[in-house]
Protein backbone atom coordinates (compact mmCIF):
# COMPACT_ATOMS: atom_id res chain seq x y z
CA MET A 1 133.92 137.73 68.70
CA LYS A 2 133.37 135.69 65.53
CA VAL A 3 134.44 132.08 65.08
CA LEU A 4 134.35 129.99 61.90
CA SER A 5 134.10 126.19 61.97
CA LEU A 6 134.47 124.04 58.86
CA VAL A 7 132.80 120.64 59.20
CA ARG A 8 132.50 117.30 57.47
CA PHE A 9 129.54 115.03 57.97
CA ARG A 10 130.21 111.46 59.01
CA ALA A 11 130.91 109.26 55.99
CA ASP A 12 128.04 106.96 56.96
CA ALA A 13 125.57 109.83 57.43
CA ASP A 14 122.90 110.78 54.92
CA ARG A 15 123.84 114.33 53.82
CA ASP A 16 120.32 115.79 54.09
CA ALA A 17 119.71 114.12 57.44
CA ALA A 18 123.08 115.35 58.75
CA TRP A 19 122.30 118.90 57.64
CA ARG A 20 118.93 118.80 59.45
CA ALA A 21 120.52 117.24 62.55
CA TRP A 22 123.20 119.94 62.62
CA ALA A 23 120.62 122.72 62.49
CA GLU A 24 118.51 121.05 65.19
CA HIS A 25 121.57 120.44 67.38
CA THR A 26 122.53 124.10 67.08
CA ARG A 27 119.01 125.25 68.02
CA ARG A 28 118.60 122.88 70.98
CA TRP A 29 122.02 122.10 72.42
CA ASP A 30 123.97 125.27 71.74
CA SER A 31 121.22 127.56 73.03
CA ARG A 32 121.16 125.55 76.26
CA ASP A 33 124.88 124.90 76.79
CA HIS A 34 126.25 128.13 75.30
CA PRO A 35 123.89 131.02 76.12
CA GLU A 36 126.81 133.38 75.36
CA ILE A 37 126.34 132.74 71.63
CA ARG A 38 124.65 135.75 70.08
CA HIS A 39 124.16 134.36 66.56
CA THR A 40 125.02 131.28 64.53
CA GLU A 41 124.76 130.96 60.78
CA LEU A 42 125.13 127.49 59.26
CA THR A 43 126.09 127.10 55.60
CA LEU A 44 125.87 123.92 53.52
CA PHE A 45 128.43 123.60 50.72
CA GLU A 46 127.76 122.03 47.35
CA ALA A 47 130.00 121.30 44.41
CA ALA A 48 129.55 123.46 41.32
CA ALA A 49 128.62 121.66 38.11
CA GLY A 50 131.56 119.53 37.00
CA GLU A 51 133.50 120.18 40.21
CA PRO A 52 134.53 117.59 42.80
CA GLN A 53 132.82 117.61 46.18
CA PRO A 54 134.24 120.42 48.36
CA PRO A 55 136.68 119.33 51.10
CA PHE A 56 134.13 120.32 53.77
CA ASP A 57 130.36 119.86 53.88
CA GLY A 58 129.62 123.15 55.55
CA MET A 59 130.58 125.89 57.94
CA ALA A 60 129.25 127.58 61.03
CA LEU A 61 129.82 131.24 61.69
CA THR A 62 129.27 131.83 65.39
CA VAL A 63 129.18 135.21 67.11
CA TRP A 64 130.08 135.06 70.80
CA GLU A 65 129.44 137.82 73.32
CA SER A 66 133.17 137.93 74.14
CA GLU A 67 136.47 136.16 73.68
CA ALA A 68 136.28 135.03 77.31
CA ALA A 69 132.92 133.36 76.64
CA PHE A 70 134.36 131.50 73.65
CA ARG A 71 137.46 130.40 75.59
CA HIS A 72 135.24 129.22 78.47
CA ALA A 73 133.15 127.13 76.05
CA ALA A 74 136.27 125.66 74.43
CA ALA A 75 137.56 124.63 77.86
CA TRP A 76 134.13 123.17 78.74
CA TYR A 77 134.47 120.71 75.83
CA GLN A 78 137.48 119.23 77.64
CA THR A 79 135.34 118.28 80.66
CA SER A 80 133.02 115.35 81.31
CA ALA A 81 130.09 117.81 81.54
CA SER A 82 130.23 118.15 77.74
CA ALA A 83 129.95 114.40 77.02
CA ALA A 84 126.27 114.36 76.00
CA HIS A 85 126.70 117.49 73.87
CA ALA A 86 129.73 116.03 72.08
CA ALA A 87 127.99 112.66 71.64
CA ASP A 88 125.08 114.35 69.89
CA LEU A 89 127.48 116.13 67.51
CA ALA A 90 129.28 112.84 66.83
CA ARG A 91 126.03 111.34 65.52
CA PHE A 92 126.41 113.32 62.29
CA LEU A 93 129.75 115.20 62.29
CA ASP A 94 133.27 113.89 61.79
CA LEU A 95 134.64 115.69 64.84
CA ASP A 96 138.26 114.77 64.08
CA SER A 97 138.18 116.73 60.82
CA MET A 98 136.53 119.89 62.18
CA VAL A 99 138.58 123.06 61.78
CA THR A 100 137.74 126.02 64.01
CA THR A 101 139.41 129.42 63.83
CA VAL A 102 138.85 132.86 65.30
CA ILE A 103 138.07 135.59 62.78
CA ALA A 104 140.39 138.56 63.28
CA ASP A 105 138.60 141.01 60.99
CA THR A 106 136.12 141.20 58.12
CA ALA A 107 135.54 143.68 55.31
CA ALA A 108 132.22 144.00 53.49
CA ILE A 109 132.82 145.06 49.89
CA PRO A 110 129.63 145.93 47.98
CA GLY A 111 129.35 144.86 44.37
CA PRO A 112 129.11 147.35 41.52
CA ALA A 113 125.86 149.21 41.02
CA PRO A 114 123.54 147.48 38.54
CA ALA A 115 123.84 148.75 34.98
CA ARG A 116 121.05 151.15 34.09
CA ASP A 117 118.80 150.32 31.19
CA ALA A 118 119.53 152.48 28.10
CA GLU A 119 115.84 153.51 28.03
CA ASP A 120 115.91 155.05 31.54
């Protein structure tokens, strides 16, 4: 099961430091507290030249071993056992603005083949 989370860093957090803290948190805390996660890919967003800052700073794509494992983890965050984990996230993330959604399906569409050189 794949889950996508869009995140904002805390307004008072240094962007580079928050990015590093997020990666370290994912390596240390998630591997310990959520062994059912099979893979996580973090992405840092940046504005294109002349564009305003994107509405989110980044995203996490998380692959869980099952829907039940994800639902169990979501319920765990509602317990006191998750307090230290959540407190670490709150050091650098604006938890109130996080958006998490389950991915229903994906489609990989390859780009066109590269143009061949006229001399080939």
